[in-house]
Structures are given as structure tokens and as C-alpha cells.
């Protein structure tokens, strides 16, 4: 029997997960969205054929799983609003809000909640996401499997045993799409300077990125081996790689990801303060 899932918040990420669940034949009648915007409720109901309401308390009353899909800045007020209902039904709580620690969410919702904290990324909107997940000590093996099933509807999952590692997940996959966009942007600008028109530069750079990612995913070899295999001695690729290495690309990437990791820690401290 399907578990009854309530989404608090009906934004893009919630829509992506709902779409993924329905594509995997999850019962539409077991999915509810609580969203204060009446127009958005109507739109979600029309699009997915699910239950919608503007009343969060009503939405969680019979829920087995509650997905907190609101912006981090409003999470505290949302949690305090539904805390009494959460304590009554003891549902599994899944938070997909960036930067909010499990101890803070637990403090706002009440003690002894079963909480899975997730760090998805924007490709989840295309069901091509990469999500890091952490379960607190109250989450059962069955609940962990349920959370995995829900987030897997938007891509691939990686579980971490230490919540602090979600900051590293943020630095890798949470912020990572922007790194690749930046590299694509730089390649396109360089291609145009070398004589290609904008459309040619875009097509070649984006499909090269897609092809390289697929090769890496479908190969048993690591990225370093794949790079070595396409870098002929004395060839054009070697010249480009040598230039990257001369400018310490690896160090730049490490510094950038460390900065993202540190910022995630800083934001968690700010967002976790009681109002």
C-alpha cells in the first residue's frame, strides 16, 4: 500500500518530485500539496491530478511522509505552524531546504522526529539530479528506503553518515551545475574568438559536455584514465591540458569548492537562529 505523502510548498522542486513519483506509478490520490497560493494549488491539481489545499494542518493530519519543500528563510515559521500536527502523527519528515541543520528543524518541530535532510540540485527539475541525503537517529530502515524512493524519482542519491558531509555535497553537486555552466560559457566565448559563430560554439560545447559526462558514467575507468586516453603525446589536447595545469586548475577548483563548503556552514548558523 502506498504511503500518503504531503508536500509543504508547491514550488519547482516539489513539482519535480511529484512528476517523478507519478511517472513511477505512485498513486495520485496519496499525494497532497499544501500551498498558500490558491492559484498555484489549482495549477498543481490540474497538472498532476493530486490533492491540494491551502491548509497545512489539514494536509499533514493523515500523512505518513511530510516533505518540507519551502524556502529556508520561511522554514522556521512553517515548522512551528505544523509542529503540533507532526507530534501527533509521527510522520517521516524529509527536508529539501538548503542550509538548515537537522537539529534546528527538530527543535522547531519538536523532539524525537524522524528526519531525513536532503541536498538536491537544479537538474532534479529534469529528473537528472544528484542528491545527498542524511538520516537522523530516529529514522528506521523502512523510512530511509521510503525517502530514497522519493528522491530517486528526481535522479540519483548518495547517503552520508555524517551530516557535516552535506556541506561537501553542497560544494560538489548542490553548487556544481553552476561550475559546469561557467566552463561552458568560457568555452563558448573562446570558440567565438577562434572564429565560430555563437550557435556553432553553443552546439559544440554543450554536446561535448554531454558526451563527456555520458562517457564517464558508462565507463569503468575513472576520469583521470579517460582524460589520459584522449590526450595524445604532442597533440592539441595535451597543449590545452598543459595550459590548464600551468594555471593550477586543480588548485582553483579546490579553493572554489572549499569556499562553497565554508559558506554552507556559515549559512546554516544564520538560518538556524531562532526568530
C-alpha atoms as a PDB file:
ATOM      1  CA  UNK A   1       0.000   0.000   0.000  1.00  0.00           C
ATOM      2  CA  UNK A   2       1.306   3.463  -0.900  1.00  0.00           C
ATOM      3  CA  UNK A   3       2.345   5.822   1.844  1.00  0.00           C
ATOM      4  CA  UNK A   4       0.448   9.104   1.993  1.00  0.00           C
ATOM      5  CA  UNK A   5       2.828  11.954   1.131  1.00  0.00           C
ATOM      6  CA  UNK A   6       2.229  15.625   1.897  1.00  0.00           C
ATOM      7  CA  UNK A   7       4.405  18.329   0.365  1.00  0.00           C
ATOM      8  CA  UNK A   8       4.555  21.577   2.312  1.00  0.00           C
ATOM      9  CA  UNK A   9       5.220  24.030  -0.512  1.00  0.00           C
ATOM     10  CA  UNK A  10       4.371  23.592  -4.173  1.00  0.00           C
ATOM     11  CA  UNK A  11       7.400  25.091  -5.903  1.00  0.00           C
ATOM     12  CA  UNK A  12       9.627  23.741  -8.659  1.00  0.00           C
ATOM     13  CA  UNK A  13      11.379  21.083  -6.609  1.00  0.00           C
ATOM     14  CA  UNK A  14       8.122  19.739  -5.197  1.00  0.00           C
ATOM     15  CA  UNK A  15       6.685  19.636  -8.720  1.00  0.00           C
ATOM     16  CA  UNK A  16       9.736  17.756  -9.953  1.00  0.00           C
ATOM     17  CA  UNK A  17       9.426  15.107  -7.227  1.00  0.00           C
ATOM     18  CA  UNK A  18       5.680  14.771  -7.776  1.00  0.00           C
ATOM     19  CA  UNK A  19       6.205  14.351 -11.515  1.00  0.00           C
ATOM     20  CA  UNK A  20       8.840  11.699 -10.871  1.00  0.00           C
ATOM     21  CA  UNK A  21       6.671   9.799  -8.403  1.00  0.00           C
ATOM     22  CA  UNK A  22       3.700   9.773 -10.770  1.00  0.00           C
ATOM     23  CA  UNK A  23       5.919   8.557 -13.620  1.00  0.00           C
ATOM     24  CA  UNK A  24       6.797   5.625 -11.350  1.00  0.00           C
ATOM     25  CA  UNK A  25       3.083   4.909 -10.877  1.00  0.00           C
ATOM     26  CA  UNK A  26       2.713   6.365  -7.394  1.00  0.00           C
ATOM     27  CA  UNK A  27      -0.986   6.824  -6.621  1.00  0.00           C
ATOM     28  CA  UNK A  28      -2.029  10.417  -7.300  1.00  0.00           C
ATOM     29  CA  UNK A  29      -4.687  10.130  -4.572  1.00  0.00           C
ATOM     30  CA  UNK A  30      -1.922   9.561  -1.994  1.00  0.00           C
ATOM     31  CA  UNK A  31      -0.135  12.838  -2.825  1.00  0.00           C
ATOM     32  CA  UNK A  32      -1.170  16.154  -1.243  1.00  0.00           C
ATOM     33  CA  UNK A  33       0.373  19.601  -1.585  1.00  0.00           C
ATOM     34  CA  UNK A  34      -0.165  22.332   0.995  1.00  0.00           C
ATOM     35  CA  UNK A  35       0.457  25.667  -0.684  1.00  0.00           C
ATOM     36  CA  UNK A  36      -0.801  29.118   0.452  1.00  0.00           C
ATOM     37  CA  UNK A  37      -1.146  30.345  -3.140  1.00  0.00           C
ATOM     38  CA  UNK A  38      -4.626  29.278  -4.256  1.00  0.00           C
ATOM     39  CA  UNK A  39      -3.774  29.746  -7.923  1.00  0.00           C
ATOM     40  CA  UNK A  40      -0.733  27.502  -7.597  1.00  0.00           C
ATOM     41  CA  UNK A  41      -2.881  24.893  -5.853  1.00  0.00           C
ATOM     42  CA  UNK A  42      -5.286  24.915  -8.782  1.00  0.00           C
ATOM     43  CA  UNK A  43      -2.414  24.667 -11.268  1.00  0.00           C
ATOM     44  CA  UNK A  44      -0.868  21.671  -9.465  1.00  0.00           C
ATOM     45  CA  UNK A  45      -4.227  19.952  -9.238  1.00  0.00           C
ATOM     46  CA  UNK A  46      -4.835  20.433 -12.957  1.00  0.00           C
ATOM     47  CA  UNK A  47      -1.322  19.352 -13.916  1.00  0.00           C
ATOM     48  CA  UNK A  48      -0.976  16.263 -11.762  1.00  0.00           C
ATOM     49  CA  UNK A  49      -4.456  15.290 -10.570  1.00  0.00           C
ATOM     50  CA  UNK A  50      -3.332  15.341  -6.932  1.00  0.00           C
ATOM     51  CA  UNK A  51      -4.870  16.731  -3.751  1.00  0.00           C
ATOM     52  CA  UNK A  52      -4.115  20.359  -2.900  1.00  0.00           C
ATOM     53  CA  UNK A  53      -5.021  22.628  -0.012  1.00  0.00           C
ATOM     54  CA  UNK A  54      -4.038  25.952   1.497  1.00  0.00           C
ATOM     55  CA  UNK A  55      -4.332  24.450   4.996  1.00  0.00           C
ATOM     56  CA  UNK A  56      -1.043  22.874   6.145  1.00  0.00           C
ATOM     57  CA  UNK A  57      -2.572  21.454   9.317  1.00  0.00           C
ATOM     58  CA  UNK A  58      -5.240  19.643   7.339  1.00  0.00           C
ATOM     59  CA  UNK A  59      -2.687  18.402   4.822  1.00  0.00           C
ATOM     60  CA  UNK A  60      -0.453  16.672   7.368  1.00  0.00           C
ATOM     61  CA  UNK A  61      -3.193  15.123   9.505  1.00  0.00           C
ATOM     62  CA  UNK A  62      -3.145  11.747   7.724  1.00  0.00           C
ATOM     63  CA  UNK A  63       0.349  11.956   6.183  1.00  0.00           C
ATOM     64  CA  UNK A  64       2.884   9.145   6.559  1.00  0.00           C
ATOM     65  CA  UNK A  65       5.594  11.300   4.970  1.00  0.00           C
ATOM     66  CA  UNK A  66       5.899  15.087   5.054  1.00  0.00           C
ATOM     67  CA  UNK A  67       8.236  16.759   2.562  1.00  0.00           C
ATOM     68  CA  UNK A  68       9.305  20.238   3.614  1.00  0.00           C
ATOM     69  CA  UNK A  69       9.723  21.994   0.281  1.00  0.00           C
ATOM     70  CA  UNK A  70       9.690  25.639   1.332  1.00  0.00           C
ATOM     71  CA  UNK A  71      12.446  28.238   1.150  1.00  0.00           C
ATOM     72  CA  UNK A  72      14.974  28.119   4.013  1.00  0.00           C
ATOM     73  CA  UNK A  73      14.053  31.644   5.104  1.00  0.00           C
ATOM     74  CA  UNK A  74      10.458  30.636   5.964  1.00  0.00           C
ATOM     75  CA  UNK A  75      11.185  27.124   7.259  1.00  0.00           C
ATOM     76  CA  UNK A  76      11.195  28.125  10.929  1.00  0.00           C
ATOM     77  CA  UNK A  77       7.718  29.681  10.828  1.00  0.00           C
ATOM     78  CA  UNK A  78       6.353  26.796   8.741  1.00  0.00           C
ATOM     79  CA  UNK A  79       7.754  24.204  11.148  1.00  0.00           C
ATOM     80  CA  UNK A  80       6.334  25.958  14.204  1.00  0.00           C
ATOM     81  CA  UNK A  81       2.948  26.150  12.476  1.00  0.00           C
ATOM     82  CA  UNK A  82       2.748  22.379  11.868  1.00  0.00           C
ATOM     83  CA  UNK A  83       4.705  21.202  14.948  1.00  0.00           C
ATOM     84  CA  UNK A  84       1.680  20.025  16.946  1.00  0.00           C
ATOM     85  CA  UNK A  85       0.363  18.019  14.000  1.00  0.00           C
ATOM     86  CA  UNK A  86       3.771  16.436  13.384  1.00  0.00           C
ATOM     87  CA  UNK A  87       3.978  15.341  17.015  1.00  0.00           C
ATOM     88  CA  UNK A  88       0.568  13.681  16.729  1.00  0.00           C
ATOM     89  CA  UNK A  89       1.078  11.581  13.605  1.00  0.00           C
ATOM     90  CA  UNK A  90       4.842  10.869  13.918  1.00  0.00           C
ATOM     91  CA  UNK A  91       5.321  11.055  10.140  1.00  0.00           C
ATOM     92  CA  UNK A  92       8.706  10.818   8.442  1.00  0.00           C
ATOM     93  CA  UNK A  93       9.970  14.337   7.751  1.00  0.00           C
ATOM     94  CA  UNK A  94      12.010  14.980   4.611  1.00  0.00           C
ATOM     95  CA  UNK A  95      13.622  18.411   4.281  1.00  0.00           C
ATOM     96  CA  UNK A  96      14.867  19.554   0.876  1.00  0.00           C
ATOM     97  CA  UNK A  97      15.667  23.065   2.109  1.00  0.00           C
ATOM     98  CA  UNK A  98      19.317  24.008   1.681  1.00  0.00           C
ATOM     99  CA  UNK A  99      21.432  25.010   4.649  1.00  0.00           C
ATOM    100  CA  UNK A 100      19.141  24.022   7.530  1.00  0.00           C
ATOM    101  CA  UNK A 101      20.599  21.599  10.062  1.00  0.00           C
ATOM    102  CA  UNK A 102      18.579  18.670  11.361  1.00  0.00           C
ATOM    103  CA  UNK A 103      18.992  19.857  14.977  1.00  0.00           C
ATOM    104  CA  UNK A 104      17.331  23.179  14.127  1.00  0.00           C
ATOM    105  CA  UNK A 105      14.451  21.587  12.221  1.00  0.00           C
ATOM    106  CA  UNK A 106      13.984  19.134  15.098  1.00  0.00           C
ATOM    107  CA  UNK A 107      13.954  21.981  17.614  1.00  0.00           C
ATOM    108  CA  UNK A 108      11.205  23.753  15.678  1.00  0.00           C
ATOM    109  CA  UNK A 109       9.082  20.641  15.069  1.00  0.00           C
ATOM    110  CA  UNK A 110       9.592  19.038  18.473  1.00  0.00           C
ATOM    111  CA  UNK A 111      11.749  16.261  19.842  1.00  0.00           C
ATOM    112  CA  UNK A 112      12.086  12.705  18.555  1.00  0.00           C
ATOM    113  CA  UNK A 113      11.049  13.324  14.950  1.00  0.00           C
ATOM    114  CA  UNK A 114      12.276  11.042  12.190  1.00  0.00           C
ATOM    115  CA  UNK A 115      14.093  13.398   9.819  1.00  0.00           C
ATOM    116  CA  UNK A 116      15.905  12.948   6.530  1.00  0.00           C
ATOM    117  CA  UNK A 117      17.744  16.025   5.339  1.00  0.00           C
ATOM    118  CA  UNK A 118      18.446  16.271   1.599  1.00  0.00           C
ATOM    119  CA  UNK A 119      20.629  18.407  -0.646  1.00  0.00           C
ATOM    120  CA  UNK A 120      19.235  18.150  -4.192  1.00  0.00           C
ATOM    121  CA  UNK A 121      20.414  20.216  -7.158  1.00  0.00           C
ATOM    122  CA  UNK A 122      18.720  22.041 -10.015  1.00  0.00           C
ATOM    123  CA  UNK A 123      18.997  19.243 -12.633  1.00  0.00           C
ATOM    124  CA  UNK A 124      16.468  17.465 -10.402  1.00  0.00           C
ATOM    125  CA  UNK A 125      13.930  19.635 -12.238  1.00  0.00           C
ATOM    126  CA  UNK A 126      14.701  17.470 -15.316  1.00  0.00           C
ATOM    127  CA  UNK A 127      14.849  14.231 -13.290  1.00  0.00           C
ATOM    128  CA  UNK A 128      18.627  14.296 -13.770  1.00  0.00           C
ATOM    129  CA  UNK A 129      19.506  15.378 -10.252  1.00  0.00           C
ATOM    130  CA  UNK A 130      22.221  14.305  -7.844  1.00  0.00           C
ATOM    131  CA  UNK A 131      21.089  14.421  -4.211  1.00  0.00           C
ATOM    132  CA  UNK A 132      22.907  13.909  -0.936  1.00  0.00           C
ATOM    133  CA  UNK A 133      20.857  12.551   1.975  1.00  0.00           C
ATOM    134  CA  UNK A 134      21.374  12.247   5.728  1.00  0.00           C
ATOM    135  CA  UNK A 135      19.064  10.433   8.180  1.00  0.00           C
ATOM    136  CA  UNK A 136      18.924  11.252  11.885  1.00  0.00           C
ATOM    137  CA  UNK A 137      18.993   8.528  14.537  1.00  0.00           C
ATOM    138  CA  UNK A 138      15.196   8.217  14.660  1.00  0.00           C
ATOM    139  CA  UNK A 139      14.807   7.174  11.016  1.00  0.00           C
ATOM    140  CA  UNK A 140      14.056   3.473  10.585  1.00  0.00           C
ATOM    141  CA  UNK A 141      15.440   1.336   7.765  1.00  0.00           C
ATOM    142  CA  UNK A 142      11.986   1.323   6.166  1.00  0.00           C
ATOM    143  CA  UNK A 143      11.701   5.112   6.365  1.00  0.00           C
ATOM    144  CA  UNK A 144      15.164   5.508   4.878  1.00  0.00           C
ATOM    145  CA  UNK A 145      14.064   3.357   1.964  1.00  0.00           C
ATOM    146  CA  UNK A 146      10.936   5.479   1.541  1.00  0.00           C
ATOM    147  CA  UNK A 147      12.986   8.685   1.452  1.00  0.00           C
ATOM    148  CA  UNK A 148      15.380   7.127  -1.031  1.00  0.00           C
ATOM    149  CA  UNK A 149      12.473   6.157  -3.292  1.00  0.00           C
ATOM    150  CA  UNK A 150      11.022   9.686  -3.252  1.00  0.00           C
ATOM    151  CA  UNK A 151      14.289  11.483  -4.012  1.00  0.00           C
ATOM    152  CA  UNK A 152      15.329   8.869  -6.584  1.00  0.00           C
ATOM    153  CA  UNK A 153      12.317   9.984  -8.636  1.00  0.00           C
ATOM    154  CA  UNK A 154      14.375  13.097  -9.490  1.00  0.00           C
ATOM    155  CA  UNK A 155      17.752  11.449 -10.164  1.00  0.00           C
ATOM    156  CA  UNK A 156      20.462   9.613  -8.220  1.00  0.00           C
ATOM    157  CA  UNK A 157      21.036   9.595  -4.455  1.00  0.00           C
ATOM    158  CA  UNK A 158      24.121   9.405  -2.245  1.00  0.00           C
ATOM    159  CA  UNK A 159      23.701   8.799   1.510  1.00  0.00           C
ATOM    160  CA  UNK A 160      26.164  10.220   4.045  1.00  0.00           C
ATOM    161  CA  UNK A 161      26.529   9.069   7.669  1.00  0.00           C
ATOM    162  CA  UNK A 162      27.804  12.409   8.973  1.00  0.00           C
ATOM    163  CA  UNK A 163      25.562  15.451   8.492  1.00  0.00           C
ATOM    164  CA  UNK A 164      28.631  17.671   8.125  1.00  0.00           C
ATOM    165  CA  UNK A 165      29.312  15.923   4.809  1.00  0.00           C
ATOM    166  CA  UNK A 166      26.203  17.574   3.355  1.00  0.00           C
ATOM    167  CA  UNK A 167      28.305  20.740   3.209  1.00  0.00           C
ATOM    168  CA  UNK A 168      30.692  18.859   0.915  1.00  0.00           C
ATOM    169  CA  UNK A 169      27.699  17.607  -1.089  1.00  0.00           C
ATOM    170  CA  UNK A 170      26.625  21.234  -1.438  1.00  0.00           C
ATOM    171  CA  UNK A 171      30.081  22.147  -2.738  1.00  0.00           C
ATOM    172  CA  UNK A 172      30.091  19.265  -5.244  1.00  0.00           C
ATOM    173  CA  UNK A 173      26.593  18.707  -6.598  1.00  0.00           C
ATOM    174  CA  UNK A 174      24.490  21.431  -4.984  1.00  0.00           C
ATOM    175  CA  UNK A 175      26.563  24.270  -6.433  1.00  0.00           C
ATOM    176  CA  UNK A 176      28.228  22.120  -9.084  1.00  0.00           C
ATOM    177  CA  UNK A 177      25.886  22.797 -12.019  1.00  0.00           C
ATOM    178  CA  UNK A 178      26.970  26.454 -11.951  1.00  0.00           C
ATOM    179  CA  UNK A 179      30.628  25.406 -12.245  1.00  0.00           C
ATOM    180  CA  UNK A 180      29.874  23.488 -15.422  1.00  0.00           C
ATOM    181  CA  UNK A 181      27.762  26.346 -16.776  1.00  0.00           C
ATOM    182  CA  UNK A 182      30.710  28.675 -16.158  1.00  0.00           C
ATOM    183  CA  UNK A 183      33.056  26.334 -18.006  1.00  0.00           C
ATOM    184  CA  UNK A 184      30.590  26.007 -20.892  1.00  0.00           C
ATOM    185  CA  UNK A 185      30.269  29.778 -21.010  1.00  0.00           C
ATOM    186  CA  UNK A 186      34.052  30.168 -21.130  1.00  0.00           C
ATOM    187  CA  UNK A 187      34.383  27.565 -23.892  1.00  0.00           C
ATOM    188  CA  UNK A 188      31.707  29.262 -25.971  1.00  0.00           C
ATOM    189  CA  UNK A 189      33.372  32.672 -25.631  1.00  0.00           C
ATOM    190  CA  UNK A 190      36.725  31.173 -26.603  1.00  0.00           C
ATOM    191  CA  UNK A 191      35.199  29.352 -29.575  1.00  0.00           C
ATOM    192  CA  UNK A 192      33.689  32.607 -30.852  1.00  0.00           C
ATOM    193  CA  UNK A 193      37.058  34.340 -30.534  1.00  0.00           C
ATOM    194  CA  UNK A 194      38.545  31.495 -32.584  1.00  0.00           C
ATOM    195  CA  UNK A 195      36.086  32.202 -35.398  1.00  0.00           C
ATOM    196  CA  UNK A 196      32.968  30.115 -34.837  1.00  0.00           C
ATOM    197  CA  UNK A 197      29.579  31.787 -34.686  1.00  0.00           C
ATOM    198  CA  UNK A 198      27.546  31.795 -31.453  1.00  0.00           C
ATOM    199  CA  UNK A 199      25.263  28.900 -32.435  1.00  0.00           C
ATOM    200  CA  UNK A 200      28.149  26.729 -33.573  1.00  0.00           C
ATOM    201  CA  UNK A 201      30.040  27.471 -30.360  1.00  0.00           C
ATOM    202  CA  UNK A 202      26.996  26.639 -28.241  1.00  0.00           C
ATOM    203  CA  UNK A 203      26.158  23.387 -30.019  1.00  0.00           C
ATOM    204  CA  UNK A 204      29.710  22.063 -29.985  1.00  0.00           C
ATOM    205  CA  UNK A 205      30.486  22.994 -26.373  1.00  0.00           C
ATOM    206  CA  UNK A 206      27.220  21.748 -24.852  1.00  0.00           C
ATOM    207  CA  UNK A 207      27.171  18.455 -26.733  1.00  0.00           C
ATOM    208  CA  UNK A 208      30.820  17.908 -25.901  1.00  0.00           C
ATOM    209  CA  UNK A 209      29.960  18.338 -22.208  1.00  0.00           C
ATOM    210  CA  UNK A 210      27.015  15.954 -22.523  1.00  0.00           C
ATOM    211  CA  UNK A 211      29.063  13.373 -24.403  1.00  0.00           C
ATOM    212  CA  UNK A 212      31.962  13.523 -21.954  1.00  0.00           C
ATOM    213  CA  UNK A 213      29.611  13.066 -18.995  1.00  0.00           C
ATOM    214  CA  UNK A 214      27.936  10.068 -20.621  1.00  0.00           C
ATOM    215  CA  UNK A 215      31.288   8.500 -21.430  1.00  0.00           C
ATOM    216  CA  UNK A 216      32.396   8.938 -17.803  1.00  0.00           C
ATOM    217  CA  UNK A 217      29.143   7.481 -16.455  1.00  0.00           C
ATOM    218  CA  UNK A 218      29.161   4.483 -18.771  1.00  0.00           C
ATOM    219  CA  UNK A 219      32.858   3.662 -18.387  1.00  0.00           C
ATOM    220  CA  UNK A 220      34.522   1.557 -15.693  1.00  0.00           C
ATOM    221  CA  UNK A 221      37.551   3.844 -15.902  1.00  0.00           C
ATOM    222  CA  UNK A 222      37.986   6.896 -13.689  1.00  0.00           C
ATOM    223  CA  UNK A 223      38.086  10.453 -15.036  1.00  0.00           C
ATOM    224  CA  UNK A 224      41.880  10.617 -14.924  1.00  0.00           C
ATOM    225  CA  UNK A 225      42.194   7.478 -17.087  1.00  0.00           C
ATOM    226  CA  UNK A 226      39.641   8.723 -19.591  1.00  0.00           C
ATOM    227  CA  UNK A 227      41.458  12.048 -19.837  1.00  0.00           C
ATOM    228  CA  UNK A 228      44.796  10.306 -20.406  1.00  0.00           C
ATOM    229  CA  UNK A 229      43.277   8.134 -23.112  1.00  0.00           C
ATOM    230  CA  UNK A 230      42.222  11.140 -25.210  1.00  0.00           C
ATOM    231  CA  UNK A 231      45.399  13.129 -24.584  1.00  0.00           C
ATOM    232  CA  UNK A 232      47.845  12.128 -27.302  1.00  0.00           C
ATOM    233  CA  UNK A 233      51.520  12.867 -26.765  1.00  0.00           C
ATOM    234  CA  UNK A 234      52.439  16.103 -28.518  1.00  0.00           C
ATOM    235  CA  UNK A 235      48.865  16.696 -29.689  1.00  0.00           C
ATOM    236  CA  UNK A 236      46.365  19.517 -29.412  1.00  0.00           C
ATOM    237  CA  UNK A 237      44.644  18.164 -26.293  1.00  0.00           C
ATOM    238  CA  UNK A 238      47.950  17.870 -24.451  1.00  0.00           C
ATOM    239  CA  UNK A 239      48.696  21.518 -25.221  1.00  0.00           C
ATOM    240  CA  UNK A 240      45.354  22.595 -23.774  1.00  0.00           C
ATOM    241  CA  UNK A 241      45.753  20.382 -20.679  1.00  0.00           C
ATOM    242  CA  UNK A 242      49.270  21.723 -20.116  1.00  0.00           C
ATOM    243  CA  UNK A 243      47.859  25.253 -20.148  1.00  0.00           C
ATOM    244  CA  UNK A 244      45.208  24.347 -17.570  1.00  0.00           C
ATOM    245  CA  UNK A 245      47.836  22.750 -15.346  1.00  0.00           C
ATOM    246  CA  UNK A 246      50.207  25.714 -15.714  1.00  0.00           C
ATOM    247  CA  UNK A 247      47.456  27.903 -14.276  1.00  0.00           C
ATOM    248  CA  UNK A 248      46.789  25.449 -11.410  1.00  0.00           C
ATOM    249  CA  UNK A 249      43.245  24.500 -12.449  1.00  0.00           C
ATOM    250  CA  UNK A 250      43.100  21.772  -9.800  1.00  0.00           C
ATOM    251  CA  UNK A 251      44.025  24.265  -7.068  1.00  0.00           C
ATOM    252  CA  UNK A 252      41.443  26.752  -8.318  1.00  0.00           C
ATOM    253  CA  UNK A 253      38.716  24.090  -8.211  1.00  0.00           C
ATOM    254  CA  UNK A 254      39.748  23.049  -4.685  1.00  0.00           C
ATOM    255  CA  UNK A 255      39.705  26.646  -3.465  1.00  0.00           C
ATOM    256  CA  UNK A 256      36.295  27.277  -5.037  1.00  0.00           C
ATOM    257  CA  UNK A 257      34.733  24.160  -3.524  1.00  0.00           C
ATOM    258  CA  UNK A 258      36.253  24.911  -0.112  1.00  0.00           C
ATOM    259  CA  UNK A 259      34.689  28.372  -0.303  1.00  0.00           C
ATOM    260  CA  UNK A 260      31.293  26.831  -1.102  1.00  0.00           C
ATOM    261  CA  UNK A 261      31.680  24.344   1.762  1.00  0.00           C
ATOM    262  CA  UNK A 262      32.574  27.120   4.218  1.00  0.00           C
ATOM    263  CA  UNK A 263      29.672  29.287   3.049  1.00  0.00           C
ATOM    264  CA  UNK A 264      27.259  26.382   3.611  1.00  0.00           C
ATOM    265  CA  UNK A 265      28.440  26.157   7.230  1.00  0.00           C
ATOM    266  CA  UNK A 266      28.052  29.916   7.696  1.00  0.00           C
ATOM    267  CA  UNK A 267      24.534  29.969   6.223  1.00  0.00           C
ATOM    268  CA  UNK A 268      23.428  27.068   8.453  1.00  0.00           C
ATOM    269  CA  UNK A 269      24.433  29.069  11.526  1.00  0.00           C
ATOM    270  CA  UNK A 270      22.458  32.104  10.316  1.00  0.00           C
ATOM    271  CA  UNK A 271      19.344  30.204   9.227  1.00  0.00           C
ATOM    272  CA  UNK A 272      19.275  28.109  12.378  1.00  0.00           C
ATOM    273  CA  UNK A 273      18.879  31.030  14.768  1.00  0.00           C
ATOM    274  CA  UNK A 274      15.519  31.321  16.469  1.00  0.00           C
ATOM    275  CA  UNK A 275      13.417  34.263  15.401  1.00  0.00           C
END
